[in-house]
Amino acid sequence: MTDFFQNNTVTSYPEITKTDFKAINNRYFKVIVIQTALIFIALFIIAVFMNYKDYFKLSEYSMYLYLLLSVTFMATLLLKIIGFKKRKYAVREKDISYKKGVFFRSLTTVPFNRIQHIEIDQGPIARYFDLVSLSVFTAGDSSDDLKVSGLLKEEATQIKEFISTKIDG
């Protein structure tokens, strides 16, 4: 009797690391800086308000709080600068990949046959710079499985249409 089920050992793997990844648009760096600055401005306002009202009786330590916030802002900004250069994506014949991260690097690849739907999102700051985010969703999960931020709207639309034609067959 012949076995119909075969499970052969894979001897060679496709090398995603040798793929030419494309950097996201440089204007997205401005979006990252503005978003980070807005968060820390809000934190500074909260710190000033807390110091003014003296809720925690920490007025003598307020200078250390402001110094801590400033150092944290600078360190965060430095990490954002370094991390920006690591954000890259690749659209291949059968999948889309995105890599990012400074300390915790990640490479996410989603094959087109697993994609449920694709969305193009645009926040208010990104809209000012005419940039969008492309989110790829697979079946069975409510969150996006892959999100490429910092694309030009035309480029994201082209990628979305390309993937949609691949999904529809």
Protein backbone atom coordinates (compact mmCIF):
# COMPACT_ATOMS: atom_id res chain seq x y z
CA MET A 1 0.00 0.00 0.00
CA THR A 2 1.37 3.43 -0.95
CA ASP A 3 1.52 6.27 1.53
CA PHE A 4 -0.22 9.40 0.28
CA PHE A 5 1.14 11.53 3.10
CA GLN A 6 4.70 12.71 2.76
CA ASN A 7 6.55 15.04 5.07
CA ASN A 8 9.97 15.63 3.56
CA THR A 9 12.72 17.41 5.44
CA VAL A 10 13.40 20.97 4.30
CA THR A 11 17.05 21.39 3.39
CA SER A 12 17.15 25.00 2.21
CA TYR A 13 15.27 28.01 3.50
CA PRO A 14 14.33 31.22 1.74
CA GLU A 15 16.59 33.98 3.04
CA ILE A 16 14.52 36.98 4.08
CA THR A 17 17.63 38.61 5.50
CA LYS A 18 19.06 38.97 1.99
CA THR A 19 15.96 40.79 0.80
CA ASP A 20 16.40 44.44 -0.11
CA PHE A 21 14.31 46.27 2.46
CA LYS A 22 13.07 49.75 1.67
CA ALA A 23 13.33 52.54 4.25
CA ILE A 24 10.21 54.41 5.25
CA ASN A 25 9.83 58.04 4.21
CA ASN A 26 12.19 60.47 5.98
CA ARG A 27 9.29 62.82 6.76
CA TYR A 28 7.99 60.22 9.20
CA PHE A 29 10.89 61.08 11.49
CA LYS A 30 9.29 64.50 12.03
CA VAL A 31 6.02 62.78 12.95
CA ILE A 32 7.85 60.63 15.53
CA VAL A 33 9.62 63.67 17.03
CA ILE A 34 6.40 65.69 17.24
CA GLN A 35 4.47 62.82 18.85
CA THR A 36 7.25 62.22 21.38
CA ALA A 37 7.50 65.94 22.17
CA LEU A 38 3.73 66.20 22.69
CA ILE A 39 3.80 63.32 25.17
CA PHE A 40 6.62 64.89 27.17
CA ILE A 41 5.03 68.34 27.03
CA ALA A 42 1.92 66.79 28.58
CA LEU A 43 4.09 65.13 31.25
CA PHE A 44 5.82 68.45 32.00
CA ILE A 45 2.45 70.20 32.32
CA ILE A 46 1.26 67.50 34.72
CA ALA A 47 4.51 67.81 36.71
CA VAL A 48 4.16 71.61 36.92
CA PHE A 49 0.54 71.29 38.01
CA MET A 50 1.42 68.67 40.63
CA ASN A 51 4.27 70.85 41.87
CA TYR A 52 2.04 73.94 41.96
CA LYS A 53 -0.68 72.18 43.94
CA ASP A 54 1.95 70.31 45.98
CA TYR A 55 -0.23 67.20 46.20
CA PHE A 56 2.60 64.92 47.25
CA LYS A 57 4.57 67.41 49.36
CA LEU A 58 7.52 67.04 47.02
CA SER A 59 8.21 70.69 46.21
CA GLU A 60 11.80 70.41 47.44
CA TYR A 61 12.39 67.59 44.93
CA SER A 62 10.71 69.29 41.98
CA MET A 63 14.02 70.20 40.35
CA TYR A 64 14.95 66.50 40.32
CA LEU A 65 11.59 65.65 38.75
CA TYR A 66 12.12 68.18 35.95
CA LEU A 67 15.67 66.94 35.45
CA LEU A 68 14.45 63.34 35.31
CA LEU A 69 11.79 64.25 32.75
CA SER A 70 14.36 66.12 30.65
CA VAL A 71 16.87 63.26 30.68
CA THR A 72 14.12 60.77 29.89
CA PHE A 73 12.97 62.94 26.98
CA MET A 74 16.51 63.16 25.57
CA ALA A 75 17.09 59.40 25.96
CA THR A 76 13.75 58.63 24.33
CA LEU A 77 14.52 61.00 21.48
CA LEU A 78 17.93 59.39 20.97
CA LEU A 79 16.35 55.93 20.83
CA LYS A 80 13.76 57.21 18.36
CA ILE A 81 16.54 58.61 16.14
CA ILE A 82 18.45 55.33 16.17
CA GLY A 83 15.27 53.26 15.81
CA PHE A 84 14.01 55.28 12.87
CA LYS A 85 16.84 54.03 10.67
CA LYS A 86 15.92 50.43 11.54
CA ARG A 87 12.33 50.71 10.27
CA LYS A 88 12.21 49.07 6.86
CA TYR A 89 9.75 47.07 4.80
CA ALA A 90 9.74 44.76 1.80
CA VAL A 91 6.94 43.64 -0.49
CA ARG A 92 7.80 40.43 -2.26
CA GLU A 93 5.90 38.21 -4.65
CA LYS A 94 4.12 36.24 -1.93
CA ASP A 95 4.51 38.21 1.30
CA ILE A 96 5.12 41.53 3.01
CA SER A 97 7.77 42.02 5.71
CA TYR A 98 8.55 44.76 8.21
CA LYS A 99 11.53 45.07 10.52
CA LYS A 100 12.17 47.48 13.35
CA GLY A 101 13.78 47.84 16.76
CA VAL A 102 16.97 48.93 18.45
CA PHE A 103 17.31 46.69 21.49
CA PHE A 104 14.40 44.39 20.75
CA ARG A 105 14.50 43.83 17.02
CA SER A 106 11.60 42.25 15.23
CA LEU A 107 11.04 41.01 11.72
CA THR A 108 7.43 40.28 10.84
CA THR A 109 6.47 38.57 7.61
CA VAL A 110 2.88 37.97 6.58
CA PRO A 111 2.18 35.77 3.55
CA PHE A 112 -0.53 37.10 1.26
CA ASN A 113 -2.60 33.92 1.53
CA ARG A 114 -3.07 34.62 5.29
CA ILE A 115 -4.22 38.22 4.89
CA GLN A 116 -7.87 38.93 5.69
CA HIS A 117 -7.93 42.64 4.90
CA ILE A 118 -5.74 45.74 4.63
CA GLU A 119 -6.33 49.26 5.94
CA ILE A 120 -4.71 52.60 5.31
CA ASP A 121 -4.79 54.87 8.36
CA GLN A 122 -3.74 58.48 8.79
CA GLY A 123 -3.37 60.37 12.04
CA PRO A 124 -3.56 64.17 12.29
CA ILE A 125 0.21 64.73 12.49
CA ALA A 126 0.95 62.23 9.70
CA ARG A 127 -1.78 63.87 7.60
CA TYR A 128 0.07 67.18 7.80
CA PHE A 129 3.14 65.46 6.29
CA ASP A 130 1.00 63.51 3.77
CA LEU A 131 1.97 60.15 5.27
CA VAL A 132 -0.10 57.08 6.11
CA SER A 133 0.15 53.72 7.85
CA LEU A 134 -0.60 50.44 6.10
CA SER A 135 -2.09 47.83 8.45
CA VAL A 136 -2.33 44.17 7.46
CA PHE A 137 -4.78 41.90 9.29
CA THR A 138 -4.91 38.12 9.27
CA ALA A 139 -7.86 35.95 10.21
CA GLY A 140 -8.66 35.27 13.86
CA ASP A 141 -7.12 38.34 15.46
CA SER A 142 -8.68 41.72 16.14
CA SER A 143 -5.42 43.69 16.02
CA ASP A 144 -3.16 44.41 13.09
CA ASP A 145 -0.55 41.75 12.48
CA LEU A 146 1.77 44.04 10.56
CA LYS A 147 1.77 47.82 10.45
CA VAL A 148 4.07 49.89 8.26
CA SER A 149 3.94 53.56 9.27
CA GLY A 150 5.52 56.40 7.34
CA LEU A 151 4.48 55.58 3.79
CA LEU A 152 3.44 58.09 1.17
CA LYS A 153 -0.28 57.80 0.47
CA GLU A 154 0.28 56.87 -3.19
CA GLU A 155 2.81 54.20 -2.28
CA ALA A 156 0.55 52.68 0.39
CA THR A 157 -2.35 52.63 -2.07
CA GLN A 158 -0.21 50.83 -4.65
CA ILE A 159 0.90 48.25 -2.09
CA LYS A 160 -2.69 47.76 -0.93
CA GLU A 161 -3.91 47.24 -4.51
CA PHE A 162 -1.04 44.85 -5.25
CA ILE A 163 -1.78 42.75 -2.17
CA SER A 164 -5.54 42.86 -2.86
CA THR A 165 -5.02 41.45 -6.36
CA LYS A 166 -2.84 38.70 -4.89
CA ILE A 167 -5.49 37.88 -2.27
CA ASP A 168 -8.32 37.81 -4.80
CA GLY A 169 -6.28 35.54 -7.05
